[in-house]
PDB file of N, CA and C in Angstrom:
ATOM      1  N   MET A   1       0.860  -1.173   0.000  1.00  0.00           N
ATOM      2  CA  MET A   1       0.000   0.000   0.000  1.00  0.00           C
ATOM      3  C   MET A   1       0.907   1.236   0.000  1.00  0.00           C
ATOM      4  N   ASN A   2       0.657   2.120  -0.930  1.00  0.00           N
ATOM      5  CA  ASN A   2       1.486   3.324  -0.988  1.00  0.00           C
ATOM      6  C   ASN A   2       0.968   4.384  -0.014  1.00  0.00           C
ATOM      7  N   TYR A   3       1.757   5.422   0.146  1.00  0.00           N
ATOM      8  CA  TYR A   3       1.490   6.500   1.097  1.00  0.00           C
ATOM      9  C   TYR A   3       0.145   7.183   0.845  1.00  0.00           C
ATOM     10  N   LYS A   4      -0.144   7.485  -0.406  1.00  0.00           N
ATOM     11  CA  LYS A   4      -1.391   8.173  -0.757  1.00  0.00           C
ATOM     12  C   LYS A   4      -2.598   7.288  -0.453  1.00  0.00           C
ATOM     13  N   THR A   5      -2.498   6.005  -0.762  1.00  0.00           N
ATOM     14  CA  THR A   5      -3.593   5.068  -0.493  1.00  0.00           C
ATOM     15  C   THR A   5      -3.831   4.931   1.007  1.00  0.00           C
ATOM     16  N   LEU A   6      -2.749   4.895   1.777  1.00  0.00           N
ATOM     17  CA  LEU A   6      -2.876   4.811   3.229  1.00  0.00           C
ATOM     18  C   LEU A   6      -3.667   5.994   3.780  1.00  0.00           C
ATOM     19  N   TRP A   7      -3.371   7.201   3.294  1.00  0.00           N
ATOM     20  CA  TRP A   7      -4.092   8.383   3.767  1.00  0.00           C
ATOM     21  C   TRP A   7      -5.554   8.367   3.331  1.00  0.00           C
ATOM     22  N   LEU A   8      -5.838   7.809   2.169  1.00  0.00           N
ATOM     23  CA  LEU A   8      -7.242   7.658   1.753  1.00  0.00           C
ATOM     24  C   LEU A   8      -7.969   6.685   2.674  1.00  0.00           C
ATOM     25  N   VAL A   9      -7.294   5.620   3.076  1.00  0.00           N
ATOM     26  CA  VAL A   9      -7.884   4.660   4.013  1.00  0.00           C
ATOM     27  C   VAL A   9      -8.173   5.347   5.349  1.00  0.00           C
ATOM     28  N   VAL A  10      -7.240   6.167   5.824  1.00  0.00           N
ATOM     29  CA  VAL A  10      -7.452   6.915   7.069  1.00  0.00           C
ATOM     30  C   VAL A  10      -8.662   7.846   6.926  1.00  0.00           C
ATOM     31  N   GLY A  11      -8.722   8.581   5.840  1.00  0.00           N
ATOM     32  CA  GLY A  11      -9.836   9.511   5.615  1.00  0.00           C
ATOM     33  C   GLY A  11     -11.179   8.813   5.526  1.00  0.00           C
ATOM     34  N   PHE A  12     -11.245   7.759   4.723  1.00  0.00           N
ATOM     35  CA  PHE A  12     -12.505   7.022   4.597  1.00  0.00           C
ATOM     36  C   PHE A  12     -12.855   6.284   5.893  1.00  0.00           C
ATOM     37  N   GLY A  13     -11.838   5.810   6.606  1.00  0.00           N
ATOM     38  CA  GLY A  13     -12.088   5.150   7.895  1.00  0.00           C
ATOM     39  C   GLY A  13     -12.687   6.114   8.900  1.00  0.00           C
ATOM     40  N   GLY A  14     -12.130   7.308   8.968  1.00  0.00           N
ATOM     41  CA  GLY A  14     -12.687   8.321   9.862  1.00  0.00           C
ATOM     42  C   GLY A  14     -14.107   8.694   9.486  1.00  0.00           C
ATOM     43  N   GLN A  15     -14.357   8.822   8.205  1.00  0.00           N
ATOM     44  CA  GLN A  15     -15.705   9.160   7.741  1.00  0.00           C
ATOM     45  C   GLN A  15     -16.687   8.038   8.063  1.00  0.00           C
ATOM     46  N   PHE A  16     -16.238   6.785   7.922  1.00  0.00           N
ATOM     47  CA  PHE A  16     -17.082   5.640   8.254  1.00  0.00           C
ATOM     48  C   PHE A  16     -17.436   5.646   9.737  1.00  0.00           C
ATOM     49  N   LEU A  17     -16.440   5.841  10.610  1.00  0.00           N
ATOM     50  CA  LEU A  17     -16.701   5.889  12.054  1.00  0.00           C
ATOM     51  C   LEU A  17     -17.643   7.029  12.405  1.00  0.00           C
ATOM     52  N   PHE A  18     -17.428   8.160  11.780  1.00  0.00           N
ATOM     53  CA  PHE A  18     -18.257   9.329  12.042  1.00  0.00           C
ATOM     54  C   PHE A  18     -19.705   9.071  11.611  1.00  0.00           C
ATOM     55  N   ALA A  19     -19.897   8.427  10.469  1.00  0.00           N
ATOM     56  CA  ALA A  19     -21.248   8.129   9.977  1.00  0.00           C
ATOM     57  C   ALA A  19     -21.906   7.015  10.792  1.00  0.00           C
ATOM     58  N   LEU A  20     -21.116   6.080  11.287  1.00  0.00           N
ATOM     59  CA  LEU A  20     -21.645   4.957  12.052  1.00  0.00           C
ATOM     60  C   LEU A  20     -22.373   5.412  13.303  1.00  0.00           C
ATOM     61  N   ARG A  21     -21.976   6.540  13.835  1.00  0.00           N
ATOM     62  CA  ARG A  21     -22.620   7.043  15.052  1.00  0.00           C
ATOM     63  C   ARG A  21     -24.104   7.331  14.819  1.00  0.00           C
ATOM     64  N   PHE A  22     -24.465   7.772  13.624  1.00  0.00           N
ATOM     65  CA  PHE A  22     -25.880   8.030  13.337  1.00  0.00           C
ATOM     66  C   PHE A  22     -26.686   6.734  13.281  1.00  0.00           C
ATOM     67  N   LEU A  23     -26.095   5.691  12.753  1.00  0.00           N
ATOM     68  CA  LEU A  23     -26.756   4.387  12.738  1.00  0.00           C
ATOM     69  C   LEU A  23     -26.978   3.894  14.171  1.00  0.00           C
ATOM     70  N   ILE A  24     -25.973   4.026  15.020  1.00  0.00           N
ATOM     71  CA  ILE A  24     -26.086   3.622  16.425  1.00  0.00           C
ATOM     72  C   ILE A  24     -27.179   4.421  17.127  1.00  0.00           C
ATOM     73  N   GLN A  25     -27.219   5.725  16.880  1.00  0.00           N
ATOM     74  CA  GLN A  25     -28.229   6.581  17.510  1.00  0.00           C
ATOM     75  C   GLN A  25     -29.626   6.210  17.028  1.00  0.00           C
ATOM     76  N   TRP A  26     -29.774   5.933  15.760  1.00  0.00           N
ATOM     77  CA  TRP A  26     -31.071   5.562  15.183  1.00  0.00           C
ATOM     78  C   TRP A  26     -31.561   4.252  15.795  1.00  0.00           C
ATOM     79  N   ILE A  27     -30.699   3.253  15.877  1.00  0.00           N
ATOM     80  CA  ILE A  27     -31.081   1.958  16.442  1.00  0.00           C
ATOM     81  C   ILE A  27     -31.484   2.118  17.901  1.00  0.00           C
ATOM     82  N   ALA A  28     -30.706   2.880  18.670  1.00  0.00           N
ATOM     83  CA  ALA A  28     -31.032   3.099  20.080  1.00  0.00           C
ATOM     84  C   ALA A  28     -32.373   3.809  20.234  1.00  0.00           C
ATOM     85  N   SER A  29     -32.652   4.775  19.390  1.00  0.00           N
ATOM     86  CA  SER A  29     -33.924   5.498  19.448  1.00  0.00           C
ATOM     87  C   SER A  29     -35.094   4.605  19.067  1.00  0.00           C
ATOM     88  N   GLU A  30     -34.909   3.787  18.053  1.00  0.00           N
ATOM     89  CA  GLU A  30     -35.981   2.869  17.646  1.00  0.00           C
ATOM     90  C   GLU A  30     -36.297   1.875  18.759  1.00  0.00           C
ATOM     91  N   ARG A  31     -35.271   1.368  19.407  1.00  0.00           N
ATOM     92  CA  ARG A  31     -35.482   0.412  20.504  1.00  0.00           C
ATOM     93  C   ARG A  31     -36.197   1.055  21.683  1.00  0.00           C
ATOM     94  N   ALA A  32     -35.855   2.317  21.982  1.00  0.00           N
ATOM     95  CA  ALA A  32     -36.453   3.032  23.114  1.00  0.00           C
ATOM     96  C   ALA A  32     -37.788   3.682  22.758  1.00  0.00           C
ATOM     97  N   LYS A  33     -38.100   3.714  21.457  1.00  0.00           N
ATOM     98  CA  LYS A  33     -39.324   4.372  20.972  1.00  0.00           C
ATOM     99  C   LYS A  33     -39.351   5.862  21.323  1.00  0.00           C
ATOM    100  N   LYS A  34     -38.149   6.453  21.459  1.00  0.00           N
ATOM    101  CA  LYS A  34     -37.997   7.887  21.672  1.00  0.00           C
ATOM    102  C   LYS A  34     -36.580   8.257  21.265  1.00  0.00           C
ATOM    103  N   SER A  35     -36.335   9.522  21.082  1.00  0.00           N
ATOM    104  CA  SER A  35     -35.008   9.964  20.679  1.00  0.00           C
ATOM    105  C   SER A  35     -34.037   9.875  21.852  1.00  0.00           C
ATOM    106  N   VAL A  36     -32.994   9.095  21.668  1.00  0.00           N
ATOM    107  CA  VAL A  36     -31.949   8.963  22.690  1.00  0.00           C
ATOM    108  C   VAL A  36     -30.577   9.070  22.015  1.00  0.00           C
ATOM    109  N   ILE A  37     -29.606   9.484  22.803  1.00  0.00           N
ATOM    110  CA  ILE A  37     -28.233   9.532  22.312  1.00  0.00           C
ATOM    111  C   ILE A  37     -27.395   8.666  23.254  1.00  0.00           C
ATOM    112  N   PRO A  38     -27.032   7.466  22.806  1.00  0.00           N
ATOM    113  CA  PRO A  38     -26.231   6.580  23.666  1.00  0.00           C
ATOM    114  C   PRO A  38     -24.795   7.096  23.806  1.00  0.00           C
ATOM    115  N   VAL A  39     -24.127   6.680  24.867  1.00  0.00           N
ATOM    116  CA  VAL A  39     -22.749   7.097  25.109  1.00  0.00           C
ATOM    117  C   VAL A  39     -21.855   6.686  23.939  1.00  0.00           C
ATOM    118  N   SER A  40     -22.143   5.551  23.308  1.00  0.00           N
ATOM    119  CA  SER A  40     -21.332   5.104  22.173  1.00  0.00           C
ATOM    120  C   SER A  40     -21.358   6.117  21.028  1.00  0.00           C
ATOM    121  N   PHE A  41     -22.440   6.885  20.916  1.00  0.00           N
ATOM    122  CA  PHE A  41     -22.514   7.948  19.906  1.00  0.00           C
ATOM    123  C   PHE A  41     -21.367   8.937  20.102  1.00  0.00           C
ATOM    124  N   TRP A  42     -21.124   9.312  21.358  1.00  0.00           N
ATOM    125  CA  TRP A  42     -20.081  10.296  21.644  1.00  0.00           C
ATOM    126  C   TRP A  42     -18.689   9.709  21.453  1.00  0.00           C
ATOM    127  N   TYR A  43     -18.512   8.424  21.795  1.00  0.00           N
ATOM    128  CA  TYR A  43     -17.216   7.789  21.563  1.00  0.00           C
ATOM    129  C   TYR A  43     -16.916   7.683  20.067  1.00  0.00           C
ATOM    130  N   LEU A  44     -17.911   7.284  19.279  1.00  0.00           N
ATOM    131  CA  LEU A  44     -17.713   7.228  17.827  1.00  0.00           C
ATOM    132  C   LEU A  44     -17.477   8.628  17.266  1.00  0.00           C
ATOM    133  N   SER A  45     -18.157   9.617  17.826  1.00  0.00           N
ATOM    134  CA  SER A  45     -17.956  11.003  17.389  1.00  0.00           C
ATOM    135  C   SER A  45     -16.514  11.441  17.605  1.00  0.00           C
ATOM    136  N   ILE A  46     -15.978  11.157  18.784  1.00  0.00           N
ATOM    137  CA  ILE A  46     -14.627  11.629  19.077  1.00  0.00           C
ATOM    138  C   ILE A  46     -13.571  10.836  18.308  1.00  0.00           C
ATOM    139  N   VAL A  47     -13.741   9.522  18.192  1.00  0.00           N
ATOM    140  CA  VAL A  47     -12.761   8.722  17.452  1.00  0.00           C
ATOM    141  C   VAL A  47     -12.819   9.059  15.959  1.00  0.00           C
ATOM    142  N   GLY A  48     -14.026   9.136  15.415  1.00  0.00           N
ATOM    143  CA  GLY A  48     -14.171   9.520  14.010  1.00  0.00           C
ATOM    144  C   GLY A  48     -13.684  10.929  13.761  1.00  0.00           C
ATOM    145  N   GLY A  49     -14.019  11.851  14.676  1.00  0.00           N
ATOM    146  CA  GLY A  49     -13.597  13.240  14.537  1.00  0.00           C
ATOM    147  C   GLY A  49     -12.088  13.400  14.614  1.00  0.00           C
ATOM    148  N   LEU A  50     -11.448  12.682  15.544  1.00  0.00           N
ATOM    149  CA  LEU A  50      -9.989  12.752  15.653  1.00  0.00           C
ATOM    150  C   LEU A  50      -9.308  12.152  14.427  1.00  0.00           C
ATOM    151  N   THR A  51      -9.866  11.053  13.914  1.00  0.00           N
ATOM    152  CA  THR A  51      -9.315  10.440  12.699  1.00  0.00           C
ATOM    153  C   THR A  51      -9.430  11.408  11.526  1.00  0.00           C
ATOM    154  N   LEU A  52     -10.591  12.046  11.404  1.00  0.00           N
ATOM    155  CA  LEU A  52     -10.768  13.030  10.336  1.00  0.00           C
ATOM    156  C   LEU A  52      -9.882  14.260  10.557  1.00  0.00           C
ATOM    157  N   LEU A  53      -9.643  14.629  11.810  1.00  0.00           N
ATOM    158  CA  LEU A  53      -8.753  15.749  12.091  1.00  0.00           C
ATOM    159  C   LEU A  53      -7.330  15.435  11.631  1.00  0.00           C
ATOM    160  N   VAL A  54      -6.872  14.231  11.908  1.00  0.00           N
ATOM    161  CA  VAL A  54      -5.539  13.819  11.448  1.00  0.00           C
ATOM    162  C   VAL A  54      -5.469  13.888   9.925  1.00  0.00           C
ATOM    163  N   TYR A  55      -6.515  13.401   9.275  1.00  0.00           N
ATOM    164  CA  TYR A  55      -6.564  13.448   7.812  1.00  0.00           C
ATOM    165  C   TYR A  55      -6.579  14.898   7.322  1.00  0.00           C
ATOM    166  N   ALA A  56      -7.338  15.765   7.984  1.00  0.00           N
ATOM    167  CA  ALA A  56      -7.409  17.181   7.595  1.00  0.00           C
ATOM    168  C   ALA A  56      -6.057  17.864   7.756  1.00  0.00           C
ATOM    169  N   ILE A  57      -5.337  17.511   8.818  1.00  0.00           N
ATOM    170  CA  ILE A  57      -3.996  18.073   9.024  1.00  0.00           C
ATOM    171  C   ILE A  57      -3.068  17.613   7.899  1.00  0.00           C
ATOM    172  N   TYR A  58      -3.158  16.335   7.566  1.00  0.00           N
ATOM    173  CA  TYR A  58      -2.360  15.819   6.449  1.00  0.00           C
ATOM    174  C   TYR A  58      -2.662  16.587   5.163  1.00  0.00           C
ATOM    175  N   ARG A  59      -3.945  16.861   4.927  1.00  0.00           N
ATOM    176  CA  ARG A  59      -4.370  17.582   3.716  1.00  0.00           C
ATOM    177  C   ARG A  59      -4.095  19.084   3.798  1.00  0.00           C
ATOM    178  N   ARG A  60      -3.768  19.554   5.002  1.00  0.00           N
ATOM    179  CA  ARG A  60      -3.520  20.976   5.253  1.00  0.00           C
ATOM    180  C   ARG A  60      -4.722  21.839   4.861  1.00  0.00           C
ATOM    181  N   ASP A  61      -5.884  21.385   5.299  1.00  0.00           N
ATOM    182  CA  ASP A  61      -7.139  22.068   4.982  1.00  0.00           C
ATOM    183  C   ASP A  61      -7.609  22.823   6.231  1.00  0.00           C
ATOM    184  N   PRO A  62      -7.399  24.142   6.292  1.00  0.00           N
ATOM    185  CA  PRO A  62      -7.730  24.886   7.512  1.00  0.00           C
ATOM    186  C   PRO A  62      -9.217  24.871   7.871  1.00  0.00           C
ATOM    187  N   VAL A  63     -10.088  24.836   6.889  1.00  0.00           N
ATOM    188  CA  VAL A  63     -11.535  24.793   7.171  1.00  0.00           C
ATOM    189  C   VAL A  63     -11.894  23.462   7.833  1.00  0.00           C
ATOM    190  N   PHE A  64     -11.410  22.388   7.271  1.00  0.00           N
ATOM    191  CA  PHE A  64     -11.643  21.042   7.779  1.00  0.00           C
ATOM    192  C   PHE A  64     -11.005  20.887   9.165  1.00  0.00           C
ATOM    193  N   ILE A  65      -9.802  21.413   9.355  1.00  0.00           N
ATOM    194  CA  ILE A  65      -9.103  21.339  10.641  1.00  0.00           C
ATOM    195  C   ILE A  65      -9.899  22.070  11.721  1.00  0.00           C
ATOM    196  N   LEU A  66     -10.349  23.272  11.429  1.00  0.00           N
ATOM    197  CA  LEU A  66     -11.119  24.042  12.404  1.00  0.00           C
ATOM    198  C   LEU A  66     -12.420  23.325  12.764  1.00  0.00           C
ATOM    199  N   GLY A  67     -13.122  22.831  11.757  1.00  0.00           N
ATOM    200  CA  GLY A  67     -14.387  22.143  12.004  1.00  0.00           C
ATOM    201  C   GLY A  67     -14.226  20.894  12.851  1.00  0.00           C
ATOM    202  N   GLN A  68     -13.238  20.080  12.534  1.00  0.00           N
ATOM    203  CA  GLN A  68     -13.048  18.839  13.280  1.00  0.00           C
ATOM    204  C   GLN A  68     -12.493  19.089  14.677  1.00  0.00           C
ATOM    205  N   SER A  69     -11.597  20.054  14.831  1.00  0.00           N
ATOM    206  CA  SER A  69     -11.059  20.322  16.167  1.00  0.00           C
ATOM    207  C   SER A  69     -12.136  20.893  17.090  1.00  0.00           C
ATOM    208  N   THR A  70     -12.984  21.736  16.560  1.00  0.00           N
ATOM    209  CA  THR A  70     -14.103  22.270  17.352  1.00  0.00           C
ATOM    210  C   THR A  70     -15.057  21.152  17.746  1.00  0.00           C
ATOM    211  N   GLY A  71     -15.399  20.305  16.779  1.00  0.00           N
ATOM    212  CA  GLY A  71     -16.286  19.180  17.061  1.00  0.00           C
ATOM    213  C   GLY A  71     -15.713  18.252  18.117  1.00  0.00           C
ATOM    214  N   CYS A  72     -14.422  17.932  18.014  1.00  0.00           N
ATOM    215  CA  CYS A  72     -13.791  17.026  18.979  1.00  0.00           C
ATOM    216  C   CYS A  72     -13.856  17.591  20.391  1.00  0.00           C
ATOM    217  N   PHE A  73     -13.695  18.902  20.525  1.00  0.00           N
ATOM    218  CA  PHE A  73     -13.818  19.534  21.839  1.00  0.00           C
ATOM    219  C   PHE A  73     -15.228  19.322  22.398  1.00  0.00           C
ATOM    220  N   ILE A  74     -16.235  19.515  21.574  1.00  0.00           N
ATOM    221  CA  ILE A  74     -17.630  19.363  22.005  1.00  0.00           C
ATOM    222  C   ILE A  74     -17.924  17.915  22.385  1.00  0.00           C
ATOM    223  N   TYR A  75     -17.443  16.951  21.594  1.00  0.00           N
ATOM    224  CA  TYR A  75     -17.674  15.531  21.898  1.00  0.00           C
ATOM    225  C   TYR A  75     -17.003  15.158  23.217  1.00  0.00           C
ATOM    226  N   ALA A  76     -15.773  15.636  23.415  1.00  0.00           N
ATOM    227  CA  ALA A  76     -15.063  15.343  24.659  1.00  0.00           C
ATOM    228  C   ALA A  76     -15.785  15.971  25.852  1.00  0.00           C
ATOM    229  N   ARG A  77     -16.295  17.165  25.677  1.00  0.00           N
ATOM    230  CA  ARG A  77     -17.039  17.828  26.757  1.00  0.00           C
ATOM    231  C   ARG A  77     -18.300  17.041  27.120  1.00  0.00           C
ATOM    232  N   ASN A  78     -19.007  16.524  26.122  1.00  0.00           N
ATOM    233  CA  ASN A  78     -20.194  15.712  26.395  1.00  0.00           C
ATOM    234  C   ASN A  78     -19.824  14.446  27.164  1.00  0.00           C
ATOM    235  N   LEU A  79     -18.734  13.787  26.789  1.00  0.00           N
ATOM    236  CA  LEU A  79     -18.294  12.599  27.525  1.00  0.00           C
ATOM    237  C   LEU A  79     -17.917  12.956  28.953  1.00  0.00           C
ATOM    238  N   PHE A  80     -17.275  14.103  29.148  1.00  0.00           N
ATOM    239  CA  PHE A  80     -16.927  14.562  30.498  1.00  0.00           C
ATOM    240  C   PHE A  80     -18.189  14.781  31.324  1.00  0.00           C
ATOM    241  N   LEU A  81     -19.183  15.447  30.751  1.00  0.00           N
ATOM    242  CA  LEU A  81     -20.437  15.715  31.473  1.00  0.00           C
ATOM    243  C   LEU A  81     -21.174  14.415  31.813  1.00  0.00           C
ATOM    244  N   ILE A  82     -21.167  13.467  30.897  1.00  0.00           N
ATOM    245  CA  ILE A  82     -21.807  12.160  31.151  1.00  0.00           C
ATOM    246  C   ILE A  82     -21.102  11.452  32.305  1.00  0.00           C
ATOM    247  N   ARG A  83     -19.782  11.448  32.264  1.00  0.00           N
ATOM    248  CA  ARG A  83     -19.008  10.780  33.319  1.00  0.00           C
ATOM    249  C   ARG A  83     -19.206  11.479  34.656  1.00  0.00           C
ATOM    250  N   GLN A  84     -19.271  12.798  34.646  1.00  0.00           N
ATOM    251  CA  GLN A  84     -19.453  13.584  35.860  1.00  0.00           C
ATOM    252  C   GLN A  84     -20.826  13.298  36.502  1.00  0.00           C
ATOM    253  N   ALA A  85     -21.832  13.065  35.667  1.00  0.00           N
ATOM    254  CA  ALA A  85     -23.187  12.823  36.183  1.00  0.00           C
ATOM    255  C   ALA A  85     -23.351  11.414  36.750  1.00  0.00           C
ATOM    256  N   ALA A  86     -22.458  10.509  36.384  1.00  0.00           N
ATOM    257  CA  ALA A  86     -22.579   9.110  36.832  1.00  0.00           C
ATOM    258  C   ALA A  86     -22.121   8.919  38.255  1.00  0.00           C
TER     259      ALA A  86
END
């Protein structure tokens, strides 16, 4: 696997993890018969967001970097608040 292909795998992997969180949230909501956001949603958000941030840094895309770094802060804050409430 060459260098460029590896970075495409990282980018698509991050996007897959980020999108998977919506599937998890949908399944949890359907099971509960109401809108819920499971903790796994936030973990997938932060892992997918960090993976995409690494890819954005590699691409040197300031818009993408700002968006993902801001999002990662919010996801981490939600996990902190969840842990604090437990």
